[in-house]
Amino acid sequence: MVAGEVSGDMLAARLLAGLAPHLPGARFHGIGGPRMAEQGFVSDIDMDRLTVRGLFEIIPRYREIKGIQNALRDRLLAERPDVFIGADYPGFNLGLELQLKEAGIPTVHFVSPQIWAWRGGRIKKIIKAVSHMLVIFPFEEEIYRKAGVPCTYIGHPLAELIPMEPDVAAARSALGMPPDARVIALMPGSRMGELKYLAEPFVGAVKLLAARDPDLRFVAPMAGERQRQYFTELIARAGLQSVRIDLLEGRSHEAIAAADAVLVASGTATLEVALFKKPMVIAYKVMRASYEIMRHMGYQPWIGLPNILAREFLVPELLQHAVTPQGLADAMWEQLNNAANRKTLVQRFTDMHHSLLRNSAQESAAAVMRVMRVIAASKKSS
């Protein structure tokens, strides 16, 4: 198994939990993170060595990452595992899966690349590289069935982890916040690459929002000590010592549950916010050259998962040059104070939650076991 980032680690951990009862003596190894390790996974290489964001940002590290891919490929070709599972991270995993499948090793890819959003030509490579695709959004099944790729919709694991009706009072109590406070959660991303582009405008927006309402409270879950230190320095530089900003070690779900509205970087976190039924503003900013290429390759007007699933702009998206303190503050102020919009979002996000709710660990494990049984039967008959 290979997961290259936090979201893939979470997804793969769910799959491992489902597989364990069926394969009590199996050895699971490859590249993974802490959640996979909790399920008994052995990581041969630190997952952080694969983490990179954007198109051009990968160039300085291409040789290193390609070397990791080649070393893992050689090891797996010699080992001949019963199945290889790529958890998201398509740029790395699809190339590896292609070589393994050609050598007769069954491959399962867990979470479809967003070919419905951009780079639709990837379906040609997927047909050659993937024995079975596991998808987490219901509309993806038809895409793969039409392409002739065996596919199973397993639901989204986050829909199981997040309660249908979040307990706001309990979250605020756990974080030491008054029940009647007005709270904004800040989620500028877990990677330093994201913070580089988003943390400063996020902090600038906090300054503007606090000027409008000095009683506002802010909470920001941090992915690690480097992120916390970087964010702390920006807060000090902006002169926000008098503004109540709580920086948390992780605890992102508590932060979202406690919030009245969320300022969030585009990515999986936007779906988490939707499942918590919260108003939000989505921000996205990368290297300019990367953005221009991705913009021209896109097939639809949305980048945020809640908007993609709804097929409309349920929540505002601010992209690239629009990611300014003023733009973010204005959009957040509207999300924070529009009661009618809040009521609409709660209903739409509740419907979305129901559509994504399955037993993902059980469904994904059953699909992997089917792939393994088919391969075992074909080997036996030959």
Protein backbone atom coordinates (compact mmCIF):
# COMPACT_ATOMS: atom_id res chain seq x y z
CA MET A 1 0.00 0.00 0.00
CA VAL A 2 1.09 3.57 -0.68
CA ALA A 3 -0.41 6.75 0.77
CA GLY A 4 1.36 10.00 0.00
CA GLU A 5 -0.49 12.50 2.17
CA VAL A 6 -2.73 12.91 5.21
CA SER A 7 -6.04 12.28 3.42
CA GLY A 8 -4.72 9.07 1.86
CA ASP A 9 -3.42 7.91 5.25
CA MET A 10 -6.90 8.35 6.71
CA LEU A 11 -8.60 6.51 3.84
CA ALA A 12 -6.13 3.64 3.85
CA ALA A 13 -6.44 3.23 7.63
CA ARG A 14 -10.17 2.64 7.21
CA LEU A 15 -9.49 0.01 4.56
CA LEU A 16 -6.91 -1.70 6.76
CA ALA A 17 -9.43 -1.86 9.60
CA GLY A 18 -11.86 -3.60 7.26
CA LEU A 19 -9.27 -6.04 5.89
CA ALA A 20 -7.79 -7.14 9.22
CA PRO A 21 -10.58 -9.59 10.18
CA HIS A 22 -10.39 -11.26 6.74
CA LEU A 23 -6.58 -11.46 6.61
CA PRO A 24 -5.34 -12.01 10.20
CA GLY A 25 -1.93 -13.28 9.09
CA ALA A 26 -1.30 -10.76 6.32
CA ARG A 27 1.63 -8.37 6.22
CA PHE A 28 0.75 -4.84 5.16
CA HIS A 29 3.64 -2.60 4.19
CA GLY A 30 4.77 0.12 1.78
CA ILE A 31 4.43 3.85 2.45
CA GLY A 32 1.93 5.23 4.93
CA GLY A 33 1.27 7.56 7.81
CA PRO A 34 0.43 7.38 11.52
CA ARG A 35 -3.20 6.30 11.12
CA MET A 36 -2.17 3.35 8.97
CA ALA A 37 0.50 2.47 11.55
CA GLU A 38 -2.23 2.29 14.19
CA GLN A 39 -3.74 -0.54 12.11
CA GLY A 40 -0.49 -2.52 12.08
CA PHE A 41 0.88 -1.12 8.81
CA VAL A 42 4.68 -1.07 8.42
CA SER A 43 5.96 1.96 6.53
CA ASP A 44 9.18 1.25 4.64
CA ILE A 45 9.63 4.94 3.79
CA ASP A 46 8.52 8.09 5.64
CA MET A 47 5.31 9.36 4.02
CA ASP A 48 6.46 12.97 4.42
CA ARG A 49 9.10 12.34 1.74
CA LEU A 50 6.29 12.12 -0.85
CA THR A 51 4.35 15.21 0.21
CA VAL A 52 4.40 17.95 -2.42
CA ARG A 53 1.73 20.31 -3.76
CA GLY A 54 1.23 21.91 -7.18
CA LEU A 55 2.59 21.15 -10.65
CA PHE A 56 5.83 23.11 -10.74
CA GLU A 57 6.53 22.62 -7.03
CA ILE A 58 7.37 18.97 -7.71
CA ILE A 59 10.22 19.77 -10.13
CA PRO A 60 12.99 20.26 -7.51
CA ARG A 61 12.06 16.95 -5.88
CA TYR A 62 11.26 14.91 -8.98
CA ARG A 63 14.43 12.81 -8.95
CA GLU A 64 14.04 11.99 -5.27
CA ILE A 65 10.39 10.93 -5.62
CA LYS A 66 11.07 9.00 -8.85
CA GLY A 67 13.88 7.19 -7.06
CA ILE A 68 11.52 6.18 -4.27
CA GLN A 69 8.98 4.93 -6.83
CA ASN A 70 11.61 2.88 -8.69
CA ALA A 71 13.02 1.35 -5.50
CA LEU A 72 9.56 0.36 -4.31
CA ARG A 73 8.68 -1.05 -7.73
CA ASP A 74 11.77 -3.26 -7.78
CA ARG A 75 11.05 -4.52 -4.29
CA LEU A 76 7.43 -5.36 -5.09
CA LEU A 77 8.29 -7.06 -8.37
CA ALA A 78 10.66 -9.30 -6.44
CA GLU A 79 8.23 -9.85 -3.56
CA ARG A 80 5.11 -10.47 -5.72
CA PRO A 81 2.47 -9.25 -3.22
CA ASP A 82 -1.07 -10.64 -3.45
CA VAL A 83 -2.37 -7.14 -4.16
CA PHE A 84 -1.09 -3.57 -4.36
CA ILE A 85 -3.36 -0.77 -3.10
CA GLY A 86 -2.69 2.83 -4.02
CA ALA A 87 -4.43 5.23 -1.63
CA ASP A 88 -5.05 8.41 -3.61
CA TYR A 89 -1.76 10.18 -4.64
CA PRO A 90 -2.37 9.37 -8.34
CA GLY A 91 0.75 10.99 -9.79
CA PHE A 92 2.89 8.46 -7.94
CA ASN A 93 0.55 5.50 -7.58
CA LEU A 94 -0.82 5.21 -11.11
CA GLY A 95 2.68 5.01 -12.56
CA LEU A 96 3.61 2.34 -10.04
CA GLU A 97 0.35 0.46 -10.58
CA LEU A 98 0.88 0.38 -14.34
CA GLN A 99 4.21 -1.39 -13.96
CA LEU A 100 2.90 -3.81 -11.34
CA LYS A 101 -0.24 -4.73 -13.28
CA GLU A 102 1.80 -5.36 -16.42
CA ALA A 103 3.85 -7.80 -14.34
CA GLY A 104 0.70 -9.65 -13.24
CA ILE A 105 0.26 -8.11 -9.77
CA PRO A 106 -3.37 -7.04 -9.15
CA THR A 107 -3.78 -3.35 -8.37
CA VAL A 108 -6.53 -1.53 -6.51
CA HIS A 109 -6.71 2.25 -6.57
CA PHE A 110 -8.53 3.78 -3.62
CA VAL A 111 -10.12 7.13 -4.48
CA SER A 112 -10.50 8.13 -8.07
CA PRO A 113 -8.35 10.95 -9.41
CA GLN A 114 -10.60 13.90 -10.17
CA ILE A 115 -10.84 13.10 -13.89
CA TRP A 116 -14.32 14.62 -13.82
CA ALA A 117 -12.75 17.95 -12.82
CA TRP A 118 -9.57 18.05 -14.92
CA ARG A 119 -7.06 15.80 -16.75
CA GLY A 120 -9.80 13.49 -18.09
CA GLY A 121 -7.21 11.88 -20.37
CA ARG A 122 -5.95 10.01 -17.31
CA ILE A 123 -8.74 7.47 -17.84
CA LYS A 124 -6.59 5.85 -20.57
CA LYS A 125 -3.79 5.25 -18.09
CA ILE A 126 -6.22 4.10 -15.41
CA ILE A 127 -7.64 1.43 -17.76
CA LYS A 128 -4.14 0.01 -18.18
CA ALA A 129 -2.98 0.45 -14.59
CA VAL A 130 -5.91 -0.38 -12.32
CA SER A 131 -7.49 -3.80 -11.75
CA HIS A 132 -10.25 -2.33 -9.59
CA MET A 133 -11.17 1.24 -8.67
CA LEU A 134 -12.75 2.16 -5.33
CA VAL A 135 -14.68 5.44 -5.48
CA ILE A 136 -16.01 7.64 -2.69
CA PHE A 137 -18.50 9.77 -4.63
CA PRO A 138 -21.63 8.17 -6.11
CA PHE A 139 -21.43 9.87 -9.53
CA GLU A 140 -17.99 8.36 -10.18
CA GLU A 141 -19.28 4.80 -10.59
CA GLU A 142 -20.87 5.47 -13.97
CA ILE A 143 -17.69 7.07 -15.33
CA TYR A 144 -15.66 3.91 -14.70
CA ARG A 145 -18.34 1.47 -15.75
CA LYS A 146 -18.58 3.24 -19.11
CA ALA A 147 -14.78 3.02 -19.44
CA GLY A 148 -14.79 -0.69 -18.61
CA VAL A 149 -12.89 -0.35 -15.34
CA PRO A 150 -14.25 -2.57 -12.53
CA CYS A 151 -15.43 -0.21 -9.84
CA THR A 152 -17.09 -0.16 -6.40
CA TYR A 153 -18.71 2.81 -4.68
CA ILE A 154 -17.84 2.47 -1.00
CA GLY A 155 -19.11 5.77 0.41
CA HIS A 156 -16.89 8.41 1.98
CA PRO A 157 -15.18 7.46 5.28
CA LEU A 158 -15.63 10.99 6.60
CA ALA A 159 -19.40 10.57 6.43
CA GLU A 160 -19.08 7.81 9.03
CA LEU A 161 -16.60 9.60 11.28
CA ILE A 162 -18.54 12.86 11.50
CA PRO A 163 -21.90 12.79 13.34
CA MET A 164 -25.03 13.75 11.44
CA GLU A 165 -25.79 16.33 14.14
CA PRO A 166 -22.53 17.76 15.56
CA ASP A 167 -22.52 18.69 19.24
CA VAL A 168 -21.48 22.35 19.19
CA ALA A 169 -21.78 22.81 22.95
CA ALA A 170 -19.58 19.81 23.70
CA ALA A 171 -16.92 20.98 21.23
CA ARG A 172 -16.85 24.47 22.72
CA SER A 173 -16.66 23.06 26.22
CA ALA A 174 -13.75 20.81 25.22
CA LEU A 175 -11.93 23.82 23.76
CA GLY A 176 -12.70 26.07 26.72
CA MET A 177 -14.96 28.43 24.78
CA PRO A 178 -18.14 30.12 26.06
CA PRO A 179 -21.33 28.63 24.61
CA ASP A 180 -22.52 32.02 23.33
CA ALA A 181 -19.27 33.12 21.66
CA ARG A 182 -19.06 33.87 17.94
CA VAL A 183 -16.32 31.60 16.61
CA ILE A 184 -14.49 31.37 13.29
CA ALA A 185 -12.27 28.38 12.52
CA LEU A 186 -9.18 28.93 10.38
CA MET A 187 -7.93 25.99 8.33
CA PRO A 188 -5.13 27.21 6.04
CA GLY A 189 -3.91 23.68 5.23
CA SER A 190 -1.75 21.02 6.82
CA ARG A 191 1.31 21.37 4.56
CA MET A 192 3.90 24.11 4.70
CA GLY A 193 3.39 24.61 0.97
CA GLU A 194 -0.22 25.59 1.61
CA LEU A 195 0.65 27.84 4.55
CA LYS A 196 3.18 29.67 2.37
CA TYR A 197 0.36 30.93 0.16
CA LEU A 198 -2.64 31.08 2.51
CA ALA A 199 -1.54 31.79 6.08
CA GLU A 200 -0.69 35.47 5.54
CA PRO A 201 -4.00 36.43 3.85
CA PHE A 202 -5.87 34.36 6.46
CA VAL A 203 -4.18 36.32 9.27
CA GLY A 204 -4.90 39.56 7.41
CA ALA A 205 -8.58 38.59 7.23
CA VAL A 206 -8.58 37.90 10.98
CA LYS A 207 -7.32 41.44 11.60
CA LEU A 208 -10.13 42.94 9.51
CA LEU A 209 -12.82 40.73 11.03
CA ALA A 210 -11.67 41.45 14.58
CA ALA A 211 -11.88 45.18 13.79
CA ARG A 212 -15.53 44.70 12.79
CA ASP A 213 -16.35 42.64 15.88
CA PRO A 214 -13.76 42.69 18.69
CA ASP A 215 -15.63 39.89 20.49
CA LEU A 216 -15.00 37.38 17.70
CA ARG A 217 -12.94 34.35 18.67
CA PHE A 218 -10.76 32.37 16.30
CA VAL A 219 -9.53 28.81 16.48
CA ALA A 220 -6.90 27.29 14.19
CA PRO A 221 -5.90 23.61 14.26
CA MET A 222 -2.23 23.18 13.39
CA ALA A 223 -0.83 20.03 11.76
CA GLY A 224 2.53 20.24 13.53
CA GLU A 225 5.05 22.39 15.39
CA ARG A 226 6.50 23.97 12.22
CA GLN A 227 3.04 25.08 11.15
CA ARG A 228 2.27 26.44 14.62
CA GLN A 229 5.51 28.42 14.75
CA TYR A 230 4.97 29.85 11.26
CA PHE A 231 1.41 30.90 12.08
CA THR A 232 2.45 32.35 15.45
CA GLU A 233 5.08 34.54 13.78
CA LEU A 234 2.52 35.88 11.31
CA ILE A 235 0.09 36.68 14.13
CA ALA A 236 2.79 38.60 16.00
CA ARG A 237 3.87 40.45 12.86
CA ALA A 238 0.25 41.49 12.22
CA GLY A 239 -0.04 42.91 15.75
CA LEU A 240 -2.88 40.61 16.75
CA GLN A 241 -1.76 39.90 20.31
CA SER A 242 -5.06 41.26 21.66
CA VAL A 243 -7.20 39.08 19.37
CA ARG A 244 -8.25 35.72 20.83
CA ILE A 245 -6.75 33.14 18.45
CA ASP A 246 -6.41 29.63 19.85
CA LEU A 247 -3.84 27.50 18.00
CA LEU A 248 -4.57 23.84 18.55
CA GLU A 249 -2.45 20.73 18.16
CA GLY A 250 -4.64 18.91 15.66
CA ARG A 251 -8.24 18.63 16.96
CA SER A 252 -9.58 19.90 13.64
CA HIS A 253 -12.96 18.24 14.06
CA GLU A 254 -13.51 19.90 17.42
CA ALA A 255 -12.51 23.24 15.92
CA ILE A 256 -14.98 22.87 13.04
CA ALA A 257 -17.77 21.65 15.32
CA ALA A 258 -17.25 24.64 17.64
CA ALA A 259 -17.24 27.21 14.83
CA ASP A 260 -20.05 29.37 13.47
CA ALA A 261 -18.21 29.59 10.13
CA VAL A 262 -14.94 28.30 8.68
CA LEU A 263 -12.24 29.81 6.46
CA VAL A 264 -10.72 26.76 4.78
CA ALA A 265 -8.11 25.82 2.18
CA SER A 266 -9.46 23.88 -0.78
CA GLY A 267 -9.14 20.13 -0.33
CA THR A 268 -10.61 17.33 1.74
CA ALA A 269 -11.12 19.72 4.66
CA THR A 270 -13.89 21.48 2.72
CA LEU A 271 -15.90 18.26 2.74
CA GLU A 272 -15.28 17.88 6.47
CA VAL A 273 -16.70 21.36 7.02
CA ALA A 274 -19.75 20.51 4.90
CA LEU A 275 -20.36 17.30 6.88
CA PHE A 276 -20.26 19.40 10.05
CA LYS A 277 -22.99 21.54 8.36
CA LYS A 278 -21.02 24.80 8.66
CA PRO A 279 -20.96 27.90 6.42
CA MET A 280 -17.54 28.35 4.87
CA VAL A 281 -15.33 30.30 2.52
CA ILE A 282 -12.97 28.19 0.39
CA ALA A 283 -9.55 29.58 -0.57
CA TYR A 284 -7.08 28.23 -3.11
CA LYS A 285 -3.69 29.63 -4.07
CA VAL A 286 -0.58 28.02 -5.57
CA MET A 287 2.37 29.05 -7.71
CA ARG A 288 1.06 31.24 -10.53
CA ALA A 289 2.31 28.99 -13.35
CA SER A 290 0.70 25.93 -11.73
CA TYR A 291 -2.60 27.76 -11.36
CA GLU A 292 -2.69 28.94 -14.98
CA ILE A 293 -2.15 25.41 -16.29
CA MET A 294 -4.71 23.89 -13.94
CA ARG A 295 -7.24 26.63 -14.75
CA HIS A 296 -7.06 25.92 -18.46
CA MET A 297 -7.29 22.15 -17.91
CA GLY A 298 -10.37 22.36 -15.69
CA TYR A 299 -13.75 21.08 -16.87
CA GLN A 300 -16.07 22.76 -14.38
CA PRO A 301 -16.40 26.06 -12.56
CA TRP A 302 -15.98 24.69 -9.01
CA ILE A 303 -12.92 23.55 -7.08
CA GLY A 304 -14.43 22.96 -3.61
CA LEU A 305 -15.82 19.48 -2.97
CA PRO A 306 -19.10 20.73 -1.48
CA ASN A 307 -19.78 22.81 -4.58
CA ILE A 308 -18.72 20.00 -6.92
CA LEU A 309 -21.09 17.57 -5.20
CA ALA A 310 -23.92 20.13 -5.23
CA ARG A 311 -23.16 21.14 -8.85
CA GLU A 312 -23.52 24.78 -7.86
CA PHE A 313 -21.81 27.47 -5.78
CA LEU A 314 -23.31 26.68 -2.39
CA VAL A 315 -20.38 28.42 -0.70
CA PRO A 316 -17.98 31.07 -2.01
CA GLU A 317 -14.62 30.16 -3.53
CA LEU A 318 -11.78 32.68 -3.67
CA LEU A 319 -8.99 31.67 -6.03
CA GLN A 320 -5.44 32.88 -6.57
CA HIS A 321 -5.41 36.70 -6.95
CA ALA A 322 -8.78 36.94 -5.15
CA VAL A 323 -7.21 35.47 -1.99
CA THR A 324 -6.69 38.79 -0.23
CA PRO A 325 -7.37 39.77 3.39
CA GLN A 326 -10.21 42.07 2.31
CA GLY A 327 -11.80 39.52 0.00
CA LEU A 328 -11.63 36.76 2.60
CA ALA A 329 -12.92 39.01 5.38
CA ASP A 330 -15.89 40.25 3.34
CA ALA A 331 -16.88 36.73 2.29
CA MET A 332 -16.51 35.40 5.84
CA TRP A 333 -18.57 38.25 7.30
CA GLU A 334 -21.44 37.33 4.97
CA GLN A 335 -21.21 33.64 5.85
CA LEU A 336 -21.09 34.45 9.55
CA ASN A 337 -24.12 36.75 9.59
CA ASN A 338 -26.54 35.41 6.96
CA ALA A 339 -29.02 33.34 8.99
CA ALA A 340 -31.14 32.33 6.00
CA ASN A 341 -28.07 31.06 4.17
CA ARG A 342 -27.00 29.08 7.25
CA LYS A 343 -30.39 27.34 7.38
CA THR A 344 -30.20 26.43 3.68
CA LEU A 345 -26.67 25.08 4.03
CA VAL A 346 -27.59 22.88 6.98
CA GLN A 347 -30.30 21.18 4.90
CA ARG A 348 -28.16 20.82 1.77
CA PHE A 349 -25.18 19.51 3.70
CA THR A 350 -27.37 17.06 5.61
CA ASP A 351 -28.65 15.65 2.31
CA MET A 352 -25.05 15.42 1.09
CA HIS A 353 -24.04 13.59 4.27
CA HIS A 354 -26.73 10.95 3.76
CA SER A 355 -25.68 10.40 0.13
CA LEU A 356 -22.07 9.68 1.19
CA LEU A 357 -22.85 7.44 4.16
CA ARG A 358 -21.84 3.78 3.80
CA ASN A 359 -19.76 1.33 5.82
CA SER A 360 -16.62 2.26 3.86
CA ALA A 361 -14.26 -0.08 5.75
CA GLN A 362 -16.51 -3.06 5.10
CA GLU A 363 -17.33 -2.14 1.49
CA SER A 364 -13.72 -1.42 0.50
CA ALA A 365 -12.39 -4.56 2.21
CA ALA A 366 -15.01 -6.70 0.48
CA ALA A 367 -13.97 -5.27 -2.90
CA VAL A 368 -10.27 -5.98 -2.25
CA MET A 369 -11.09 -9.52 -1.15
CA ARG A 370 -13.05 -10.07 -4.39
CA VAL A 371 -10.05 -8.95 -6.43
CA MET A 372 -7.78 -11.32 -4.50
CA ARG A 373 -10.20 -14.24 -4.92
CA VAL A 374 -10.45 -13.67 -8.67
CA ILE A 375 -6.66 -13.66 -9.02
CA ALA A 376 -6.29 -16.72 -6.81
CA ALA A 377 -8.92 -18.59 -8.85
CA SER A 378 -7.23 -17.70 -12.13
CA LYS A 379 -3.85 -18.87 -10.83
CA LYS A 380 -5.40 -22.14 -9.65
CA SER A 381 -7.13 -22.83 -12.97
CA SER A 382 -3.95 -22.13 -14.92
